[in-house]
Amino acid sequence: MLADVDAFFAQVEQVLHPELRGKPVIVGGQPGESSVVASASYEARAFGVHTAMPLSQAHRLCPQAVFLKGRYSHYRKAADVVLEVLAEFAPLVEPVSLDEAYLEFPGCEQLYREAPIDLAERLKGAVKERSALDVSIGVGTSKLMAKLACKLAKPHGIAWLCPGYEAEFLAPLSVDALPGIGQASRSRLEKFNVRTVADLRRVPAQLLELTFGAPGRTLAEYAWGRDTSPVEPPGPNRSVSRETTFATEVMDRAVIEGMLYYLTERACRKLRELGLSARTVTVKLRYSDFETCLLTRSLKEATDQDHRVYELAGDLFRRLFTRRVRVRLIGVSLSSLSAGAAHQKPLLEADGYEKRRRLYHFLDRIRERFGFSAVTAGRSINLLGKLEQDEEGFRLRTPSLTR
C-alpha cells in the first residue's frame, strides 16, 4: 500500500483552524512574497493552483484564498501521529516524505483475513480517528502499482489494482505516468512515436538502456508492471542537515552568520536527541544568481556541542563567502556520525568539556519545556529584530527542519 495524506500542509491548517474548512487554503507565504506554493487545499486546486507555483500567480488565480506561511512543527507532529497508526497496522513501513509512506504486510495472512480493500478502509478510518486527517490509499502488488493506484484514489479515496491486471491497466496510459519519465524523457520518446506504455513495450530493453542508461532497463520492467524494489524501513541516520532560504536575499555578514549559528544549534540539538556525535561538517551557500558552493571539513574528534561545530562551520562559511553578491540560502550538514558523544578528551580540556556538556543539557531541557525561543544564544542574537519569532524559534521562509 501507499498511504498519502491529501494536501498535507493545507489540510493540517484546516484541522487546526476549523473555520478554514471548505475554503481555499494556500500554504507557503503571503502573495507579495517571492516564494512558491508549498501546499494547496483541493478548494484552491479547483482554481488551478498547484504545488511549486509562484505565490503571485496563485493569488491571481485564486485571490479569495487564505494564504498562510505555515509552521513546520505542526506538520511534523501530525506526520508522527499518522506514522504511528501505519506502524500499528503494518510490520514494514517506509516513509518517503512527511505525508506519504509505503506499507507491506509480510506474514500477516492470518492476522488480516479481509480483502486488501477492506483493510485499507480500516487503516484509513484509524488515521482519520487519531489525526483527523484524510488519506488516500493505493493498493497493489508492488510499489509501482501502489503509487499509480494512489493517484487514482485522490482525493480521500482508496484504489486497488488487482493482481494479474497490471499490464492491462498500464497499456493505455501515457508514458509519463511511469516514475522517472519527466518532460525531457517524454519528448525524447515522442520523437520515436512512443506515447503510451503499450508503445514503450515494443521498444527493446537494450535500446532503452542505451538511450537512458541504467534507468532504461528499469523503465522496460515498469512498462509491464514489474517492480521488485522492497519496502525498506528507515535505517540509521547518515547525516543531520538544516538549511533555509532567506525571505529576502541578504548581504549582511552578521545576519548570515547568525542564521548559520542558529541552524547549527538546531542540528546539534537533533544530534543530542538521537544520542549521536558528528565529525564532518559541510556548509552550503547559494548566491542570488543561484551559484551554489559547498565546503566540507572534518573535526579531530566527533562532537555534539554547538560551539565546536560552529568553529568549523564559521570558518567554512568565511572561505565560501568571497563574492559581493547577496546570499539566497545557507545550510549546514553534519555527517560521519557515531553513537554517543566523544569521551576521550585532552586532559586540560576535560573540565571545560564537562561544563559545556551540562550547559547544553540544561539548554535542551529549557527549550523542550518553554520552546526554542526561550533562549537565544551565540551569533543567533544577530537575528533578533530581523526575523519574527514564536515559541518554536525564528520563523523562516522555508522550513529548515525538514531534513
Protein backbone atom coordinates (compact mmCIF):
# COMPACT_ATOMS: atom_id res chain seq x y z
CA MET A 1 0.00 0.00 0.00
CA LEU A 2 0.89 3.66 -0.41
CA ALA A 3 -0.79 5.96 2.10
CA ASP A 4 -0.69 9.64 1.14
CA VAL A 5 -2.17 12.46 3.24
CA ASP A 6 -4.18 14.70 0.91
CA ALA A 7 -2.97 18.32 0.55
CA PHE A 8 -1.00 17.74 3.74
CA PHE A 9 0.08 21.20 4.98
CA ALA A 10 -3.21 22.81 3.94
CA GLN A 11 -5.28 20.02 5.49
CA VAL A 12 -3.39 20.28 8.80
CA GLU A 13 -4.18 24.01 8.86
CA GLN A 14 -7.86 23.24 8.25
CA VAL A 15 -7.83 20.74 11.13
CA LEU A 16 -6.16 23.24 13.47
CA HIS A 17 -8.44 26.07 12.33
CA PRO A 18 -11.92 24.62 11.63
CA GLU A 19 -13.08 27.98 10.24
CA LEU A 20 -10.85 27.26 7.20
CA ARG A 21 -12.64 24.04 6.27
CA GLY A 22 -14.28 24.28 2.86
CA LYS A 23 -12.22 27.36 1.98
CA PRO A 24 -9.30 27.59 -0.45
CA VAL A 25 -6.11 27.47 1.65
CA ILE A 26 -2.60 28.05 0.29
CA VAL A 27 0.47 27.40 2.45
CA GLY A 28 3.81 28.95 1.52
CA GLY A 29 3.65 32.64 2.39
CA GLN A 30 1.85 35.85 1.56
CA PRO A 31 1.01 36.87 -2.04
CA GLY A 32 3.59 39.67 -2.12
CA GLU A 33 6.50 37.39 -1.21
CA SER A 34 8.84 35.89 -3.77
CA SER A 35 8.04 32.34 -2.74
CA VAL A 36 6.11 29.35 -4.05
CA VAL A 37 3.12 27.28 -3.01
CA ALA A 38 4.12 24.55 -0.55
CA SER A 39 0.61 23.08 -0.32
CA ALA A 40 -2.85 23.94 -1.64
CA SER A 41 -6.19 22.61 -0.45
CA TYR A 42 -8.44 20.96 -3.02
CA GLU A 43 -10.69 24.02 -2.87
CA ALA A 44 -7.70 26.07 -4.12
CA ARG A 45 -6.67 23.43 -6.66
CA ALA A 46 -10.08 23.80 -8.28
CA PHE A 47 -8.87 27.24 -9.45
CA GLY A 48 -5.69 25.80 -10.99
CA VAL A 49 -3.36 26.36 -8.04
CA HIS A 50 -0.70 23.69 -7.57
CA THR A 51 2.43 22.99 -5.55
CA ALA A 52 5.60 24.90 -6.57
CA MET A 53 3.56 27.61 -8.35
CA PRO A 54 4.75 31.19 -7.57
CA LEU A 55 2.56 32.77 -4.90
CA SER A 56 1.91 35.78 -7.12
CA GLN A 57 0.43 33.51 -9.80
CA ALA A 58 -1.60 31.59 -7.20
CA HIS A 59 -3.04 34.90 -5.97
CA ARG A 60 -4.08 35.87 -9.50
CA LEU A 61 -5.85 32.53 -9.97
CA CYS A 62 -7.47 32.46 -6.53
CA PRO A 63 -7.42 35.90 -4.85
CA GLN A 64 -10.04 34.82 -2.30
CA ALA A 65 -7.74 32.09 -0.88
CA VAL A 66 -6.40 32.20 2.66
CA PHE A 67 -2.59 32.49 2.38
CA LEU A 68 -0.54 31.13 5.29
CA LYS A 69 3.17 30.87 5.99
CA GLY A 70 2.61 27.63 7.89
CA ARG A 71 4.51 26.12 10.79
CA TYR A 72 6.63 23.06 10.24
CA SER A 73 6.40 21.92 13.87
CA HIS A 74 2.65 21.37 13.46
CA TYR A 75 3.19 19.33 10.30
CA ARG A 76 5.90 17.22 11.92
CA LYS A 77 3.63 16.37 14.86
CA ALA A 78 0.76 15.46 12.52
CA ALA A 79 3.08 13.28 10.42
CA ASP A 80 4.31 11.47 13.53
CA VAL A 81 0.73 10.61 14.53
CA VAL A 82 -0.01 9.23 11.04
CA LEU A 83 3.18 7.14 11.05
CA GLU A 84 2.30 5.71 14.47
CA VAL A 85 -1.03 4.49 13.09
CA LEU A 86 0.57 2.98 9.98
CA ALA A 87 3.17 1.17 12.11
CA GLU A 88 0.38 -0.38 14.19
CA PHE A 89 -1.08 -1.98 11.05
CA ALA A 90 1.97 -2.99 9.01
CA PRO A 91 5.25 -4.66 10.02
CA LEU A 92 7.10 -2.78 7.27
CA VAL A 93 6.62 0.99 6.84
CA GLU A 94 8.85 3.12 4.61
CA PRO A 95 8.23 6.88 4.88
CA VAL A 96 9.11 8.60 1.60
CA SER A 97 8.19 12.11 2.75
CA LEU A 98 6.33 13.79 5.57
CA ASP A 99 2.97 12.98 4.03
CA GLU A 100 3.33 9.56 2.42
CA ALA A 101 4.63 6.09 3.23
CA TYR A 102 4.70 2.62 1.71
CA LEU A 103 3.38 -0.32 3.74
CA GLU A 104 3.96 -4.04 3.28
CA PHE A 105 2.29 -6.90 5.16
CA PRO A 106 4.53 -9.99 5.03
CA GLY A 107 3.33 -12.88 7.20
CA CYS A 108 0.02 -11.17 8.01
CA GLU A 109 -2.30 -13.54 6.14
CA GLN A 110 -3.72 -14.97 9.36
CA LEU A 111 -3.93 -11.60 11.08
CA TYR A 112 -5.77 -9.87 8.24
CA ARG A 113 -8.30 -12.20 6.67
CA GLU A 114 -10.29 -9.46 4.96
CA ALA A 115 -9.73 -8.30 1.37
CA PRO A 116 -6.98 -5.67 0.88
CA ILE A 117 -9.60 -3.04 0.02
CA ASP A 118 -11.30 -3.63 3.40
CA LEU A 119 -8.00 -3.48 5.26
CA ALA A 120 -7.23 -0.19 3.51
CA GLU A 121 -10.65 1.14 4.56
CA ARG A 122 -9.94 0.21 8.17
CA LEU A 123 -6.50 1.82 8.02
CA LYS A 124 -7.96 4.97 6.52
CA GLY A 125 -10.53 5.17 9.30
CA ALA A 126 -7.88 4.72 12.01
CA VAL A 127 -5.78 7.58 10.59
CA LYS A 128 -8.86 9.80 10.45
CA GLU A 129 -9.83 8.96 14.03
CA ARG A 130 -6.36 9.60 15.50
CA SER A 131 -5.23 12.57 13.43
CA ALA A 132 -8.46 14.00 11.91
CA LEU A 133 -6.66 13.81 8.54
CA ASP A 134 -7.90 12.23 5.31
CA VAL A 135 -5.55 9.95 3.43
CA SER A 136 -5.70 8.36 0.01
CA ILE A 137 -4.54 4.75 -0.20
CA GLY A 138 -3.34 2.82 -3.22
CA VAL A 139 -3.11 -0.98 -3.08
CA GLY A 140 -1.08 -3.07 -5.49
CA THR A 141 1.39 -5.91 -5.91
CA SER A 142 4.42 -3.57 -5.89
CA LYS A 143 5.48 -0.04 -5.03
CA LEU A 144 4.90 0.98 -8.65
CA MET A 145 1.32 -0.27 -8.74
CA ALA A 146 0.52 1.08 -5.26
CA LYS A 147 1.73 4.53 -6.35
CA LEU A 148 -0.34 4.52 -9.52
CA ALA A 149 -3.37 3.28 -7.56
CA CYS A 150 -2.91 6.07 -5.03
CA LYS A 151 -3.06 8.66 -7.81
CA LEU A 152 -6.39 7.17 -8.88
CA ALA A 153 -7.65 7.27 -5.29
CA LYS A 154 -7.11 11.00 -4.74
CA PRO A 155 -8.69 12.78 -3.07
CA HIS A 156 -9.78 10.94 0.10
CA GLY A 157 -10.26 7.58 -1.61
CA ILE A 158 -8.97 4.03 -1.98
CA ALA A 159 -7.99 2.22 -5.18
CA TRP A 160 -6.92 -1.43 -5.57
CA LEU A 161 -5.17 -2.60 -8.72
CA CYS A 162 -5.93 -6.30 -8.55
CA PRO A 163 -3.15 -8.88 -9.15
CA GLY A 164 -2.88 -10.07 -12.73
CA TYR A 165 -4.28 -6.89 -14.29
CA GLU A 166 -1.14 -4.75 -14.06
CA ALA A 167 -0.12 -4.93 -17.73
CA GLU A 168 -3.68 -4.40 -18.95
CA PHE A 169 -4.12 -1.36 -16.71
CA LEU A 170 -0.83 0.23 -17.78
CA ALA A 171 -1.14 -0.25 -21.55
CA PRO A 172 -3.24 2.84 -22.45
CA LEU A 173 -1.51 5.22 -20.02
CA SER A 174 0.80 7.98 -21.22
CA VAL A 175 4.48 7.11 -20.74
CA ASP A 176 4.90 9.97 -18.26
CA ALA A 177 2.61 8.11 -15.85
CA LEU A 178 5.64 5.93 -15.08
CA PRO A 179 8.14 7.10 -12.44
CA GLY A 180 11.30 8.56 -13.96
CA ILE A 181 9.64 9.91 -17.11
CA GLY A 182 9.71 13.70 -16.99
CA GLN A 183 9.11 16.26 -19.70
CA ALA A 184 12.53 15.79 -21.30
CA SER A 185 12.29 11.99 -21.41
CA ARG A 186 8.74 12.15 -22.70
CA SER A 187 9.75 14.49 -25.55
CA ARG A 188 12.63 12.19 -26.40
CA LEU A 189 10.34 9.16 -26.61
CA GLU A 190 7.73 11.03 -28.64
CA LYS A 191 10.34 11.59 -31.37
CA PHE A 192 10.21 7.81 -31.83
CA ASN A 193 6.37 7.77 -31.72
CA VAL A 194 6.38 6.28 -28.23
CA ARG A 195 3.49 7.93 -26.41
CA THR A 196 1.79 5.22 -24.37
CA VAL A 197 3.03 2.42 -22.15
CA ALA A 198 1.87 -0.04 -24.81
CA ASP A 199 4.15 1.75 -27.31
CA LEU A 200 7.01 1.56 -24.81
CA ARG A 201 6.71 -2.22 -24.55
CA ARG A 202 7.60 -2.53 -28.22
CA VAL A 203 10.98 -0.88 -27.63
CA PRO A 204 13.72 -3.45 -26.82
CA ALA A 205 15.07 -3.17 -23.28
CA GLN A 206 18.62 -2.97 -24.67
CA LEU A 207 17.68 0.09 -26.73
CA LEU A 208 16.09 1.78 -23.72
CA GLU A 209 19.25 1.09 -21.73
CA LEU A 210 21.42 2.55 -24.49
CA THR A 211 19.17 5.63 -24.63
CA PHE A 212 18.61 6.30 -20.92
CA GLY A 213 21.45 4.41 -19.26
CA ALA A 214 20.77 2.08 -16.32
CA PRO A 215 17.27 3.57 -15.66
CA GLY A 216 16.26 2.40 -19.14
CA ARG A 217 16.30 -1.23 -18.00
CA THR A 218 14.07 -0.34 -15.04
CA LEU A 219 11.75 1.51 -17.41
CA ALA A 220 11.35 -1.61 -19.53
CA GLU A 221 10.29 -3.54 -16.41
CA TYR A 222 7.89 -0.81 -15.33
CA ALA A 223 6.16 -0.97 -18.73
CA TRP A 224 4.96 -4.47 -17.82
CA GLY A 225 4.07 -3.56 -14.24
CA ARG A 226 7.10 -5.28 -12.77
CA ASP A 227 8.82 -3.65 -9.78
CA THR A 228 10.89 -5.66 -7.29
CA SER A 229 12.05 -2.76 -5.08
CA PRO A 230 11.39 -3.67 -1.43
CA VAL A 231 9.64 -1.65 1.25
CA GLU A 232 12.56 -0.58 3.46
CA PRO A 233 12.04 0.91 6.94
CA PRO A 234 14.36 3.85 7.69
CA GLY A 235 17.90 2.86 8.63
CA PRO A 236 20.32 4.66 10.94
CA ASN A 237 20.83 8.38 10.35
CA ARG A 238 23.70 9.09 7.96
CA SER A 239 23.61 12.84 8.41
CA VAL A 240 21.71 15.65 10.10
CA SER A 241 21.15 18.71 7.91
CA ARG A 242 19.49 22.08 8.37
CA GLU A 243 19.15 24.74 5.70
CA THR A 244 16.85 27.60 4.80
CA THR A 245 16.20 30.16 2.09
CA PHE A 246 16.13 33.79 3.27
CA ALA A 247 12.82 35.61 2.84
CA THR A 248 14.78 38.38 1.13
CA GLU A 249 18.29 37.88 -0.17
CA VAL A 250 20.93 39.05 2.33
CA MET A 251 24.29 40.79 2.08
CA ASP A 252 24.77 41.50 5.80
CA ARG A 253 27.51 39.13 7.01
CA ALA A 254 26.30 39.33 10.63
CA VAL A 255 22.80 38.14 9.65
CA ILE A 256 24.14 35.27 7.53
CA GLU A 257 26.49 34.17 10.32
CA GLY A 258 23.62 34.46 12.80
CA MET A 259 21.49 32.18 10.64
CA LEU A 260 24.34 29.69 10.26
CA TYR A 261 24.76 29.60 14.04
CA TYR A 262 21.02 29.11 14.51
CA LEU A 263 20.95 26.22 12.03
CA THR A 264 24.00 24.72 13.75
CA GLU A 265 22.15 24.92 17.08
CA ARG A 266 19.15 23.11 15.59
CA ALA A 267 21.34 20.42 14.02
CA CYS A 268 23.37 19.81 17.19
CA ARG A 269 20.22 19.62 19.29
CA LYS A 270 18.97 16.90 16.94
CA LEU A 271 22.28 15.06 17.35
CA ARG A 272 21.90 15.08 21.13
CA GLU A 273 18.28 13.96 20.81
CA LEU A 274 19.43 10.97 18.73
CA GLY A 275 22.39 10.24 21.01
CA LEU A 276 24.85 10.87 18.16
CA SER A 277 28.01 12.87 17.54
CA ALA A 278 29.34 14.16 14.22
CA ARG A 279 32.85 14.53 12.91
CA THR A 280 32.31 16.01 9.43
CA VAL A 281 30.81 19.45 8.79
CA THR A 282 29.56 20.72 5.42
CA VAL A 283 28.41 24.30 4.79
CA LYS A 284 26.23 25.13 1.79
CA LEU A 285 25.92 28.65 0.39
CA ARG A 286 23.75 29.79 -2.53
CA TYR A 287 24.07 33.28 -4.01
CA SER A 288 21.22 35.28 -5.52
CA ASP A 289 22.36 34.26 -9.02
CA PHE A 290 21.91 30.62 -7.89
CA GLU A 291 25.61 29.80 -7.85
CA THR A 292 25.84 27.15 -5.13
CA CYS A 293 29.03 26.45 -3.16
CA LEU A 294 29.82 23.60 -0.77
CA LEU A 295 32.80 23.09 1.50
CA THR A 296 33.46 20.12 3.79
CA ARG A 297 35.99 19.59 6.58
CA SER A 298 36.33 17.16 9.47
CA LEU A 299 36.95 17.80 13.15
CA LYS A 300 39.70 15.99 15.04
CA GLU A 301 37.06 14.16 17.04
CA ALA A 302 33.30 13.75 16.91
CA THR A 303 31.14 16.13 18.95
CA ASP A 304 27.54 17.15 19.59
CA GLN A 305 28.37 20.59 21.01
CA ASP A 306 27.18 23.73 19.19
CA HIS A 307 30.29 25.87 19.70
CA ARG A 308 32.71 23.20 18.47
CA VAL A 309 30.70 22.59 15.32
CA TYR A 310 30.27 26.30 14.66
CA GLU A 311 34.01 26.99 15.00
CA LEU A 312 34.49 24.87 11.88
CA ALA A 313 31.23 25.84 10.17
CA GLY A 314 32.00 29.55 10.59
CA ASP A 315 35.46 29.06 9.08
CA LEU A 316 33.97 27.19 6.11
CA PHE A 317 31.44 29.99 5.58
CA ARG A 318 34.18 32.65 5.54
CA ARG A 319 36.01 30.64 2.88
CA LEU A 320 32.85 30.42 0.77
CA PHE A 321 31.58 33.99 1.16
CA THR A 322 34.01 35.59 -1.29
CA ARG A 323 31.68 37.49 -3.67
CA ARG A 324 29.95 40.82 -3.27
CA VAL A 325 26.64 39.19 -4.13
CA ARG A 326 23.59 38.71 -1.96
CA VAL A 327 23.04 35.30 -0.34
CA ARG A 328 19.85 33.34 -1.03
CA LEU A 329 20.38 30.17 1.02
CA ILE A 330 22.58 28.94 3.86
CA GLY A 331 22.81 25.45 5.33
CA VAL A 332 24.88 23.12 7.47
CA SER A 333 25.15 19.33 7.31
CA LEU A 334 26.72 17.07 9.94
CA SER A 335 27.90 13.60 8.94
CA SER A 336 30.37 10.83 9.86
CA LEU A 337 28.03 10.11 12.75
CA SER A 338 28.82 7.88 15.71
CA ALA A 339 26.83 6.79 18.74
CA GLY A 340 27.26 8.94 21.85
CA ALA A 341 29.47 11.92 22.47
CA ALA A 342 33.23 11.54 22.22
CA HIS A 343 34.65 10.82 25.66
CA GLN A 344 38.39 10.84 25.08
CA LYS A 345 39.35 14.47 25.73
CA PRO A 346 42.70 16.14 26.24
CA LEU A 347 43.38 16.27 29.98
CA LEU A 348 43.45 20.08 30.14
CA GLU A 349 40.08 20.35 28.34
CA ALA A 350 38.21 17.69 30.34
CA ASP A 351 36.76 20.08 32.92
CA GLY A 352 35.64 22.62 30.31
CA TYR A 353 34.10 19.89 28.18
CA GLU A 354 32.02 18.58 31.07
CA LYS A 355 30.77 22.08 31.91
CA ARG A 356 29.74 22.60 28.28
CA ARG A 357 28.02 19.23 28.21
CA ARG A 358 25.94 20.15 31.25
CA LEU A 359 25.20 23.58 29.77
CA TYR A 360 23.76 22.09 26.56
CA HIS A 361 21.82 19.52 28.59
CA PHE A 362 20.06 22.26 30.54
CA LEU A 363 19.56 24.43 27.44
CA ASP A 364 17.83 21.47 25.78
CA ARG A 365 15.60 20.96 28.82
CA ILE A 366 14.64 24.65 28.96
CA ARG A 367 13.79 24.70 25.26
CA GLU A 368 11.87 21.44 25.49
CA ARG A 369 9.69 22.92 28.23
CA PHE A 370 9.33 26.55 27.12
CA GLY A 371 10.12 26.46 23.38
CA PHE A 372 13.29 27.03 21.39
CA SER A 373 12.93 30.81 21.60
CA ALA A 374 13.21 30.70 25.40
CA VAL A 375 16.99 31.08 24.92
CA THR A 376 18.78 32.93 22.14
CA ALA A 377 22.48 32.13 22.16
CA GLY A 378 25.72 32.87 20.35
CA ARG A 379 25.57 34.59 16.97
CA SER A 380 21.84 33.81 16.74
CA ILE A 381 21.48 37.10 18.64
CA ASN A 382 22.23 38.81 15.31
CA LEU A 383 18.79 37.66 14.11
CA LEU A 384 16.85 39.41 16.90
CA GLY A 385 14.79 42.22 15.43
CA LYS A 386 15.48 40.89 11.91
CA LEU A 387 13.16 37.87 11.97
CA GLU A 388 9.88 37.13 13.71
CA GLN A 389 9.89 34.54 16.49
CA ASP A 390 7.39 32.19 18.05
CA GLU A 391 7.88 29.50 20.67
CA GLU A 392 9.34 27.15 18.05
CA GLY A 393 12.13 29.58 17.10
CA PHE A 394 12.72 32.08 14.32
CA ARG A 395 10.05 31.98 11.61
CA LEU A 396 11.83 31.15 8.37
CA ARG A 397 10.68 31.42 4.79
CA THR A 398 11.32 27.73 4.20
CA PRO A 399 11.13 25.13 6.98
CA SER A 400 14.72 24.41 7.96
CA LEU A 401 13.89 21.34 10.00
CA THR A 402 12.73 19.00 7.24
CA ARG A 403 15.97 17.10 6.67
